[in-house]
Amino acid sequence: MRAHARLKGLAYRMLGSVADAEDVVQDAYEKLRRCAEPPRNEEAWLFRVVANLAVDRLRREKVRRETYVGPWLPEPVTDASGVAELAEDLSIAFLFMLERLTPAERVVFVLHEGFDLDFTAIGHMLEVTPAAARQRLHRARQRLAQVPAVHTPVEEQNALLDGLLMAVAEDDVDKLIALLHPQAVGYTDGGGVVSAALIPVADPRRIAQVTLHLVRKASAEGGLTISREQVGSTVYMVVRQHGVVHSVTQVTGRDGQVGQIFVMRNPQKLSAFAGPHDVN
């Protein structure tokens, strides 16, 4: 069971999709079943196959995501996803940051930073030299150094969410703007299924206006409840409407203000937060 969770955790870190991760892991097991001679170390063999299958899958997915309706965000997961032991760095914000990397850079970054593999082991898995693996990690770190940090302490996440909820409850656009960093960006993934901003929103005033508009619209429809769920070191604000998950939001901090807001509205990516109290 732990080996399966590690395989799924590797594939999910690469792809940002639970369904795609499960497909890759199943493909790896199918390859194992077709082996004429069983590998000496089955888990290591599967890990190598999943890593390479995930790279191939990500290359295809990057092309498909270019035609996605609106911003594409990684699917949020909870402990029920089967990758709970890896939940510390499986937030929407972190995986969205990894989207900046090429598939070749991302797999090395994930294997080294997420699974603590050395460059000799990574090179063997990917059939490249240790020096090439090291260079890919160097390029990955250079790319990621150009973006604001996404790791925000739990206490700060809760404080920022408290401020946002207070400003929204008071319908106070100026108070909401004051909570946002001048370079804040808001992303909403509706997948073309539900209403959502079709492009990232970068202006604090515009973010505040869009946020209040969406809240007013949802409030007019009634039946809203709000809760928080902590997954690893990430705090999600979960909004339900008439018992169904409406959205899941994560914020990151920047200089004491909100740096990024990620709002997942695509129903196909909210199943991890559905529970026995959710109704259709």
C-alpha atoms as a PDB file:
ATOM      1  CA  MET A   1       0.000   0.000   0.000  1.00  0.00           C
ATOM      2  CA  ARG A   2       2.810   2.438   0.872  1.00  0.00           C
ATOM      3  CA  ALA A   3       4.577   1.606  -2.406  1.00  0.00           C
ATOM      4  CA  HIS A   4       1.393   2.336  -4.353  1.00  0.00           C
ATOM      5  CA  ALA A   5       0.989   5.678  -2.552  1.00  0.00           C
ATOM      6  CA  ARG A   6       4.577   6.604  -3.440  1.00  0.00           C
ATOM      7  CA  LEU A   7       3.989   5.746  -7.088  1.00  0.00           C
ATOM      8  CA  LYS A   8       0.780   7.738  -7.170  1.00  0.00           C
ATOM      9  CA  GLY A   9       2.457  10.591  -5.306  1.00  0.00           C
ATOM     10  CA  LEU A  10       5.225  10.727  -7.908  1.00  0.00           C
ATOM     11  CA  ALA A  11       2.765  10.709 -10.816  1.00  0.00           C
ATOM     12  CA  TYR A  12       0.513  13.303  -9.178  1.00  0.00           C
ATOM     13  CA  ARG A  13       3.439  15.644  -8.488  1.00  0.00           C
ATOM     14  CA  MET A  14       4.309  15.405 -12.155  1.00  0.00           C
ATOM     15  CA  LEU A  15       0.793  15.803 -13.573  1.00  0.00           C
ATOM     16  CA  GLY A  16      -1.327  17.691 -11.025  1.00  0.00           C
ATOM     17  CA  SER A  17      -4.271  15.405 -11.765  1.00  0.00           C
ATOM     18  CA  VAL A  18      -5.445  12.477  -9.648  1.00  0.00           C
ATOM     19  CA  ALA A  19      -7.061  10.695 -12.600  1.00  0.00           C
ATOM     20  CA  ASP A  20      -3.966  11.097 -14.788  1.00  0.00           C
ATOM     21  CA  ALA A  21      -1.754   9.909 -11.944  1.00  0.00           C
ATOM     22  CA  GLU A  22      -3.890   6.810 -11.466  1.00  0.00           C
ATOM     23  CA  ASP A  23      -3.774   6.091 -15.202  1.00  0.00           C
ATOM     24  CA  VAL A  24       0.027   6.300 -15.245  1.00  0.00           C
ATOM     25  CA  VAL A  25       0.379   3.996 -12.231  1.00  0.00           C
ATOM     26  CA  GLN A  26      -2.011   1.464 -13.773  1.00  0.00           C
ATOM     27  CA  ASP A  27      -0.067   1.598 -17.038  1.00  0.00           C
ATOM     28  CA  ALA A  28       3.112   0.838 -15.079  1.00  0.00           C
ATOM     29  CA  TYR A  29       1.522  -2.173 -13.385  1.00  0.00           C
ATOM     30  CA  GLU A  30       0.301  -3.387 -16.776  1.00  0.00           C
ATOM     31  CA  LYS A  31       3.856  -3.178 -18.110  1.00  0.00           C
ATOM     32  CA  LEU A  32       4.993  -5.168 -15.093  1.00  0.00           C
ATOM     33  CA  ARG A  33       2.426  -7.888 -15.802  1.00  0.00           C
ATOM     34  CA  ARG A  34       3.691  -8.147 -19.378  1.00  0.00           C
ATOM     35  CA  CYS A  35       7.320  -8.570 -18.336  1.00  0.00           C
ATOM     36  CA  ALA A  36       8.737 -11.878 -19.559  1.00  0.00           C
ATOM     37  CA  GLU A  37      11.019 -11.960 -16.505  1.00  0.00           C
ATOM     38  CA  PRO A  38      10.054 -10.220 -13.221  1.00  0.00           C
ATOM     39  CA  PRO A  39      12.481  -7.435 -12.199  1.00  0.00           C
ATOM     40  CA  ARG A  40      14.748  -8.131  -9.243  1.00  0.00           C
ATOM     41  CA  ASN A  41      13.499  -5.021  -7.416  1.00  0.00           C
ATOM     42  CA  GLU A  42       9.849  -4.615  -8.376  1.00  0.00           C
ATOM     43  CA  GLU A  43       9.262  -1.329  -6.519  1.00  0.00           C
ATOM     44  CA  ALA A  44      12.361   0.340  -7.977  1.00  0.00           C
ATOM     45  CA  TRP A  45      11.388  -0.876 -11.444  1.00  0.00           C
ATOM     46  CA  LEU A  46       7.854   0.530 -11.085  1.00  0.00           C
ATOM     47  CA  PHE A  47       9.202   3.828  -9.775  1.00  0.00           C
ATOM     48  CA  ARG A  48      11.420   4.197 -12.843  1.00  0.00           C
ATOM     49  CA  VAL A  49       8.598   3.299 -15.226  1.00  0.00           C
ATOM     50  CA  VAL A  50       6.136   5.701 -13.558  1.00  0.00           C
ATOM     51  CA  ALA A  51       8.684   8.532 -13.744  1.00  0.00           C
ATOM     52  CA  ASN A  52       9.203   8.040 -17.472  1.00  0.00           C
ATOM     53  CA  LEU A  53       5.520   7.499 -18.243  1.00  0.00           C
ATOM     54  CA  ALA A  54       4.690  10.678 -16.335  1.00  0.00           C
ATOM     55  CA  VAL A  55       7.214  12.672 -18.384  1.00  0.00           C
ATOM     56  CA  ASP A  56       5.641  11.409 -21.616  1.00  0.00           C
ATOM     57  CA  ARG A  57       2.132  12.106 -20.329  1.00  0.00           C
ATOM     58  CA  LEU A  58       3.054  15.621 -19.175  1.00  0.00           C
ATOM     59  CA  ARG A  59       4.469  16.492 -22.598  1.00  0.00           C
ATOM     60  CA  ARG A  60       1.135  15.549 -24.169  1.00  0.00           C
ATOM     61  CA  GLU A  61      -0.886  17.300 -21.459  1.00  0.00           C
ATOM     62  CA  LYS A  62       1.005  20.573 -21.857  1.00  0.00           C
ATOM     63  CA  VAL A  63      -0.212  20.717 -25.453  1.00  0.00           C
ATOM     64  CA  ARG A  64      -3.810  19.982 -24.409  1.00  0.00           C
ATOM     65  CA  ARG A  65      -3.728  22.564 -21.616  1.00  0.00           C
ATOM     66  CA  GLU A  66      -3.012  25.283 -24.154  1.00  0.00           C
ATOM     67  CA  THR A  67      -6.661  24.966 -25.261  1.00  0.00           C
ATOM     68  CA  TYR A  68      -8.082  24.683 -21.721  1.00  0.00           C
ATOM     69  CA  VAL A  69     -10.871  27.170 -21.012  1.00  0.00           C
ATOM     70  CA  GLY A  70      -9.409  29.725 -18.606  1.00  0.00           C
ATOM     71  CA  PRO A  71      -6.457  29.135 -16.249  1.00  0.00           C
ATOM     72  CA  TRP A  72      -5.561  25.494 -15.655  1.00  0.00           C
ATOM     73  CA  LEU A  73      -4.935  24.733 -11.982  1.00  0.00           C
ATOM     74  CA  PRO A  74      -3.743  21.470 -10.412  1.00  0.00           C
ATOM     75  CA  GLU A  75      -6.407  19.363  -8.751  1.00  0.00           C
ATOM     76  CA  PRO A  76      -6.357  19.773  -4.945  1.00  0.00           C
ATOM     77  CA  VAL A  77      -6.086  16.606  -2.882  1.00  0.00           C
ATOM     78  CA  THR A  78      -6.842  15.585   0.693  1.00  0.00           C
ATOM     79  CA  ASP A  79      -5.715  12.681   2.874  1.00  0.00           C
ATOM     80  CA  ALA A  80      -8.321  10.537   1.109  1.00  0.00           C
ATOM     81  CA  SER A  81      -6.377  10.794  -2.140  1.00  0.00           C
ATOM     82  CA  GLY A  82      -3.915   8.039  -1.277  1.00  0.00           C
ATOM     83  CA  VAL A  83      -0.905  10.354  -1.281  1.00  0.00           C
ATOM     84  CA  ALA A  84      -1.315  11.616   2.282  1.00  0.00           C
ATOM     85  CA  GLU A  85       2.292  10.911   3.265  1.00  0.00           C
ATOM     86  CA  LEU A  86       3.377  13.419   0.620  1.00  0.00           C
ATOM     87  CA  ALA A  87       0.806  16.099   1.385  1.00  0.00           C
ATOM     88  CA  GLU A  88       3.253  18.677   2.758  1.00  0.00           C
ATOM     89  CA  ASP A  89       4.078  20.039  -0.692  1.00  0.00           C
ATOM     90  CA  LEU A  90       1.078  19.010  -2.764  1.00  0.00           C
ATOM     91  CA  SER A  91      -0.799  22.311  -2.596  1.00  0.00           C
ATOM     92  CA  ILE A  92      -2.366  23.972  -5.630  1.00  0.00           C
ATOM     93  CA  ALA A  93       0.175  26.794  -5.330  1.00  0.00           C
ATOM     94  CA  PHE A  94       3.208  24.519  -5.239  1.00  0.00           C
ATOM     95  CA  LEU A  95       2.150  22.332  -8.149  1.00  0.00           C
ATOM     96  CA  PHE A  96       1.098  25.382 -10.144  1.00  0.00           C
ATOM     97  CA  MET A  97       4.600  26.755  -9.630  1.00  0.00           C
ATOM     98  CA  LEU A  98       6.052  23.522 -11.021  1.00  0.00           C
ATOM     99  CA  GLU A  99       4.109  24.135 -14.235  1.00  0.00           C
ATOM    100  CA  ARG A 100       6.876  26.618 -15.118  1.00  0.00           C
ATOM    101  CA  LEU A 101       9.307  23.723 -15.565  1.00  0.00           C
ATOM    102  CA  THR A 102       9.795  21.574 -18.617  1.00  0.00           C
ATOM    103  CA  PRO A 103       8.847  17.898 -18.125  1.00  0.00           C
ATOM    104  CA  ALA A 104      12.559  16.965 -18.087  1.00  0.00           C
ATOM    105  CA  GLU A 105      13.301  19.555 -15.407  1.00  0.00           C
ATOM    106  CA  ARG A 106      10.223  18.748 -13.391  1.00  0.00           C
ATOM    107  CA  VAL A 107      10.887  15.036 -13.068  1.00  0.00           C
ATOM    108  CA  VAL A 108      14.431  15.658 -11.797  1.00  0.00           C
ATOM    109  CA  PHE A 109      13.191  18.317  -9.366  1.00  0.00           C
ATOM    110  CA  VAL A 110      10.452  16.008  -8.046  1.00  0.00           C
ATOM    111  CA  LEU A 111      12.746  12.990  -7.697  1.00  0.00           C
ATOM    112  CA  HIS A 112      15.501  14.965  -5.973  1.00  0.00           C
ATOM    113  CA  GLU A 113      13.503  17.394  -3.829  1.00  0.00           C
ATOM    114  CA  GLY A 114      10.427  15.261  -3.192  1.00  0.00           C
ATOM    115  CA  PHE A 115      11.941  11.787  -2.918  1.00  0.00           C
ATOM    116  CA  ASP A 116      15.533  12.625  -1.935  1.00  0.00           C
ATOM    117  CA  LEU A 117      17.129  10.607  -4.749  1.00  0.00           C
ATOM    118  CA  ASP A 118      20.743  11.366  -5.672  1.00  0.00           C
ATOM    119  CA  PHE A 119      21.849  12.240  -9.194  1.00  0.00           C
ATOM    120  CA  THR A 120      23.279   8.780  -9.857  1.00  0.00           C
ATOM    121  CA  ALA A 121      19.925   7.153  -9.097  1.00  0.00           C
ATOM    122  CA  ILE A 122      18.012   9.787 -11.069  1.00  0.00           C
ATOM    123  CA  GLY A 123      20.348   9.432 -14.039  1.00  0.00           C
ATOM    124  CA  HIS A 124      19.835   5.664 -14.018  1.00  0.00           C
ATOM    125  CA  MET A 125      16.058   6.045 -13.896  1.00  0.00           C
ATOM    126  CA  LEU A 126      15.927   8.586 -16.729  1.00  0.00           C
ATOM    127  CA  GLU A 127      18.812   7.119 -18.741  1.00  0.00           C
ATOM    128  CA  VAL A 128      20.907  10.288 -18.566  1.00  0.00           C
ATOM    129  CA  THR A 129      24.246  10.996 -16.930  1.00  0.00           C
ATOM    130  CA  PRO A 130      24.351  12.224 -13.317  1.00  0.00           C
ATOM    131  CA  ALA A 131      25.847  15.475 -14.626  1.00  0.00           C
ATOM    132  CA  ALA A 132      22.874  15.957 -16.969  1.00  0.00           C
ATOM    133  CA  ALA A 133      20.462  15.309 -14.104  1.00  0.00           C
ATOM    134  CA  ARG A 134      22.311  17.845 -11.951  1.00  0.00           C
ATOM    135  CA  GLN A 135      22.129  20.431 -14.748  1.00  0.00           C
ATOM    136  CA  ARG A 136      18.385  19.919 -15.124  1.00  0.00           C
ATOM    137  CA  LEU A 137      17.895  20.527 -11.414  1.00  0.00           C
ATOM    138  CA  HIS A 138      20.023  23.670 -11.654  1.00  0.00           C
ATOM    139  CA  ARG A 139      17.841  25.006 -14.480  1.00  0.00           C
ATOM    140  CA  ALA A 140      14.690  24.108 -12.544  1.00  0.00           C
ATOM    141  CA  ARG A 141      15.879  26.014  -9.482  1.00  0.00           C
ATOM    142  CA  GLN A 142      16.772  29.014 -11.611  1.00  0.00           C
ATOM    143  CA  ARG A 143      13.267  29.122 -13.082  1.00  0.00           C
ATOM    144  CA  LEU A 144      11.583  28.736  -9.697  1.00  0.00           C
ATOM    145  CA  ALA A 145      13.771  31.430  -8.146  1.00  0.00           C
ATOM    146  CA  GLN A 146      12.132  33.938 -10.479  1.00  0.00           C
ATOM    147  CA  VAL A 147       8.677  33.520  -8.906  1.00  0.00           C
ATOM    148  CA  PRO A 148       7.438  34.540  -5.433  1.00  0.00           C
ATOM    149  CA  ALA A 149       7.698  31.885  -2.734  1.00  0.00           C
ATOM    150  CA  VAL A 150       4.512  29.878  -2.264  1.00  0.00           C
ATOM    151  CA  HIS A 151       5.244  28.297   1.112  1.00  0.00           C
ATOM    152  CA  THR A 152       3.280  30.310   3.664  1.00  0.00           C
ATOM    153  CA  PRO A 153       3.068  29.346   7.383  1.00  0.00           C
ATOM    154  CA  VAL A 154      -0.298  27.915   8.425  1.00  0.00           C
ATOM    155  CA  GLU A 155      -0.857  30.755  10.915  1.00  0.00           C
ATOM    156  CA  GLU A 156      -0.349  33.340   8.182  1.00  0.00           C
ATOM    157  CA  GLN A 157      -2.657  31.505   5.782  1.00  0.00           C
ATOM    158  CA  ASN A 158      -5.400  31.499   8.410  1.00  0.00           C
ATOM    159  CA  ALA A 159      -4.859  35.187   9.201  1.00  0.00           C
ATOM    160  CA  LEU A 160      -5.068  36.128   5.522  1.00  0.00           C
ATOM    161  CA  LEU A 161      -8.231  34.068   5.069  1.00  0.00           C
ATOM    162  CA  ASP A 162      -9.717  35.722   8.176  1.00  0.00           C
ATOM    163  CA  GLY A 163      -9.059  39.132   6.640  1.00  0.00           C
ATOM    164  CA  LEU A 164     -10.523  38.149   3.287  1.00  0.00           C
ATOM    165  CA  LEU A 165     -13.656  36.711   4.871  1.00  0.00           C
ATOM    166  CA  MET A 166     -14.146  39.824   6.994  1.00  0.00           C
ATOM    167  CA  ALA A 167     -13.777  42.165   4.009  1.00  0.00           C
ATOM    168  CA  VAL A 168     -16.128  40.027   1.920  1.00  0.00           C
ATOM    169  CA  ALA A 169     -18.695  39.813   4.725  1.00  0.00           C
ATOM    170  CA  GLU A 170     -18.659  43.618   4.981  1.00  0.00           C
ATOM    171  CA  ASP A 171     -18.743  43.954   1.172  1.00  0.00           C
ATOM    172  CA  ASP A 172     -15.848  46.391   1.582  1.00  0.00           C
ATOM    173  CA  VAL A 173     -13.843  46.688  -1.639  1.00  0.00           C
ATOM    174  CA  ASP A 174     -11.253  49.057  -0.124  1.00  0.00           C
ATOM    175  CA  LYS A 175     -10.589  46.755   2.824  1.00  0.00           C
ATOM    176  CA  LEU A 176     -10.207  43.861   0.392  1.00  0.00           C
ATOM    177  CA  ILE A 177      -7.762  45.822  -1.774  1.00  0.00           C
ATOM    178  CA  ALA A 178      -5.676  46.660   1.302  1.00  0.00           C
ATOM    179  CA  LEU A 179      -5.212  42.942   1.990  1.00  0.00           C
ATOM    180  CA  LEU A 180      -3.784  42.323  -1.484  1.00  0.00           C
ATOM    181  CA  HIS A 181      -0.139  42.743  -2.410  1.00  0.00           C
ATOM    182  CA  PRO A 182       0.365  45.287  -5.235  1.00  0.00           C
ATOM    183  CA  GLN A 183       1.549  42.404  -7.430  1.00  0.00           C
ATOM    184  CA  ALA A 184      -1.144  39.965  -6.314  1.00  0.00           C
ATOM    185  CA  VAL A 185      -2.614  37.606  -8.885  1.00  0.00           C
ATOM    186  CA  GLY A 186      -5.893  35.699  -8.752  1.00  0.00           C
ATOM    187  CA  TYR A 187      -6.497  32.454 -10.650  1.00  0.00           C
ATOM    188  CA  THR A 188      -9.871  30.768 -11.036  1.00  0.00           C
ATOM    189  CA  ASP A 189     -10.290  27.355 -12.680  1.00  0.00           C
ATOM    190  CA  GLY A 190     -13.819  26.780 -13.924  1.00  0.00           C
ATOM    191  CA  GLY A 191     -12.816  24.453 -16.735  1.00  0.00           C
ATOM    192  CA  GLY A 192     -15.456  25.987 -18.996  1.00  0.00           C
ATOM    193  CA  VAL A 193     -18.066  24.211 -16.853  1.00  0.00           C
ATOM    194  CA  VAL A 194     -18.930  26.906 -14.314  1.00  0.00           C
ATOM    195  CA  SER A 195     -18.478  30.686 -14.242  1.00  0.00           C
ATOM    196  CA  ALA A 196     -14.902  31.820 -13.640  1.00  0.00           C
ATOM    197  CA  ALA A 197     -12.470  34.498 -14.781  1.00  0.00           C
ATOM    198  CA  LEU A 198     -11.048  33.398 -18.136  1.00  0.00           C
ATOM    199  CA  ILE A 199      -7.643  34.998 -17.551  1.00  0.00           C
ATOM    200  CA  PRO A 200      -5.507  35.530 -14.433  1.00  0.00           C
ATOM    201  CA  VAL A 201      -6.504  38.753 -12.673  1.00  0.00           C
ATOM    202  CA  ALA A 202      -3.462  40.832 -11.720  1.00  0.00           C
ATOM    203  CA  ASP A 203      -4.751  44.227 -10.525  1.00  0.00           C
ATOM    204  CA  PRO A 204      -5.686  44.328  -6.782  1.00  0.00           C
ATOM    205  CA  ARG A 205      -8.757  46.485  -7.417  1.00  0.00           C
ATOM    206  CA  ARG A 206      -9.901  44.182 -10.192  1.00  0.00           C
ATOM    207  CA  ILE A 207      -9.288  41.112  -8.011  1.00  0.00           C
ATOM    208  CA  ALA A 208     -11.395  42.689  -5.261  1.00  0.00           C
ATOM    209  CA  GLN A 209     -14.198  43.594  -7.678  1.00  0.00           C
ATOM    210  CA  VAL A 210     -14.292  40.143  -9.250  1.00  0.00           C
ATOM    211  CA  THR A 211     -14.223  38.463  -5.834  1.00  0.00           C
ATOM    212  CA  LEU A 212     -17.106  40.526  -4.475  1.00  0.00           C
ATOM    213  CA  HIS A 213     -19.097  39.997  -7.673  1.00  0.00           C
ATOM    214  CA  LEU A 214     -18.758  36.223  -7.416  1.00  0.00           C
ATOM    215  CA  VAL A 215     -19.625  36.267  -3.710  1.00  0.00           C
ATOM    216  CA  ARG A 216     -22.719  38.414  -4.269  1.00  0.00           C
ATOM    217  CA  LYS A 217     -23.870  36.088  -7.021  1.00  0.00           C
ATOM    218  CA  ALA A 218     -23.380  32.974  -4.897  1.00  0.00           C
ATOM    219  CA  SER A 219     -24.998  34.627  -1.856  1.00  0.00           C
ATOM    220  CA  ALA A 220     -28.064  35.541  -3.902  1.00  0.00           C
ATOM    221  CA  GLU A 221     -28.467  31.863  -4.770  1.00  0.00           C
ATOM    222  CA  GLY A 222     -28.321  30.998  -1.053  1.00  0.00           C
ATOM    223  CA  GLY A 223     -27.369  27.880   0.862  1.00  0.00           C
ATOM    224  CA  LEU A 224     -23.726  28.811   1.459  1.00  0.00           C
ATOM    225  CA  THR A 225     -21.548  27.292   4.178  1.00  0.00           C
ATOM    226  CA  ILE A 226     -17.827  27.908   4.649  1.00  0.00           C
ATOM    227  CA  SER A 227     -15.274  25.681   6.366  1.00  0.00           C
ATOM    228  CA  ARG A 228     -11.515  25.212   6.396  1.00  0.00           C
ATOM    229  CA  GLU A 229      -9.558  22.055   5.823  1.00  0.00           C
ATOM    230  CA  GLN A 230      -5.851  21.699   6.477  1.00  0.00           C
ATOM    231  CA  VAL A 231      -3.961  19.286   4.236  1.00  0.00           C
ATOM    232  CA  GLY A 232      -0.359  19.013   5.332  1.00  0.00           C
ATOM    233  CA  SER A 233       0.833  22.600   5.642  1.00  0.00           C
ATOM    234  CA  THR A 234      -1.876  24.010   3.362  1.00  0.00           C
ATOM    235  CA  VAL A 235      -5.134  25.568   4.524  1.00  0.00           C
ATOM    236  CA  TYR A 236      -8.046  25.390   2.096  1.00  0.00           C
ATOM    237  CA  MET A 237     -11.243  27.396   2.413  1.00  0.00           C
ATOM    238  CA  VAL A 238     -14.072  25.140   1.268  1.00  0.00           C
ATOM    239  CA  VAL A 239     -17.354  26.738   0.205  1.00  0.00           C
ATOM    240  CA  ARG A 240     -20.431  24.567  -0.164  1.00  0.00           C
ATOM    241  CA  GLN A 241     -23.740  25.574  -1.672  1.00  0.00           C
ATOM    242  CA  HIS A 242     -26.843  23.571  -0.865  1.00  0.00           C
ATOM    243  CA  GLY A 243     -24.592  20.747   0.341  1.00  0.00           C
ATOM    244  CA  VAL A 244     -22.400  20.574  -2.774  1.00  0.00           C
ATOM    245  CA  VAL A 245     -18.793  21.779  -2.949  1.00  0.00           C
ATOM    246  CA  HIS A 246     -18.896  25.137  -4.731  1.00  0.00           C
ATOM    247  CA  SER A 247     -15.207  26.084  -4.593  1.00  0.00           C
ATOM    248  CA  VAL A 248     -11.912  25.449  -2.839  1.00  0.00           C
ATOM    249  CA  THR A 249      -9.572  28.394  -2.262  1.00  0.00           C
ATOM    250  CA  GLN A 250      -5.914  28.630  -1.284  1.00  0.00           C
ATOM    251  CA  VAL A 251      -3.970  31.834  -0.638  1.00  0.00           C
ATOM    252  CA  THR A 252      -0.247  32.485  -0.387  1.00  0.00           C
ATOM    253  CA  GLY A 253       1.384  35.332   1.501  1.00  0.00           C
ATOM    254  CA  ARG A 254       3.749  38.000   0.234  1.00  0.00           C
ATOM    255  CA  ASP A 255       5.169  40.686   2.535  1.00  0.00           C
ATOM    256  CA  GLY A 256       2.284  40.213   4.960  1.00  0.00           C
ATOM    257  CA  GLN A 257      -0.404  40.502   2.292  1.00  0.00           C
ATOM    258  CA  VAL A 258      -2.110  38.091  -0.069  1.00  0.00           C
ATOM    259  CA  GLY A 259       0.244  37.292  -2.931  1.00  0.00           C
ATOM    260  CA  GLN A 260      -1.795  34.733  -4.841  1.00  0.00           C
ATOM    261  CA  ILE A 261      -5.355  33.482  -4.712  1.00  0.00           C
ATOM    262  CA  PHE A 262      -6.179  30.115  -6.260  1.00  0.00           C
ATOM    263  CA  VAL A 263      -9.871  29.292  -6.621  1.00  0.00           C
ATOM    264  CA  MET A 264     -10.835  25.846  -7.867  1.00  0.00           C
ATOM    265  CA  ARG A 265     -14.385  25.813  -9.215  1.00  0.00           C
ATOM    266  CA  ASN A 266     -14.178  23.029 -11.793  1.00  0.00           C
ATOM    267  CA  PRO A 267     -16.523  20.335 -10.395  1.00  0.00           C
ATOM    268  CA  GLN A 268     -14.383  17.619 -11.966  1.00  0.00           C
ATOM    269  CA  LYS A 269     -11.492  18.637  -9.708  1.00  0.00           C
ATOM    270  CA  LEU A 270     -13.378  18.946  -6.418  1.00  0.00           C
ATOM    271  CA  SER A 271     -14.189  15.314  -5.687  1.00  0.00           C
ATOM    272  CA  ALA A 272     -11.486  15.027  -2.996  1.00  0.00           C
ATOM    273  CA  PHE A 273     -13.416  17.509  -0.834  1.00  0.00           C
ATOM    274  CA  ALA A 274     -16.795  15.832  -1.281  1.00  0.00           C
ATOM    275  CA  GLY A 275     -18.021  13.848   1.692  1.00  0.00           C
ATOM    276  CA  PRO A 276     -21.098  12.005   2.933  1.00  0.00           C
ATOM    277  CA  HIS A 277     -22.709  15.382   3.664  1.00  0.00           C
ATOM    278  CA  ASP A 278     -22.451  16.433   0.023  1.00  0.00           C
ATOM    279  CA  VAL A 279     -25.543  15.845  -2.064  1.00  0.00           C
ATOM    280  CA  ASN A 280     -26.175  16.020  -5.790  1.00  0.00           C
END
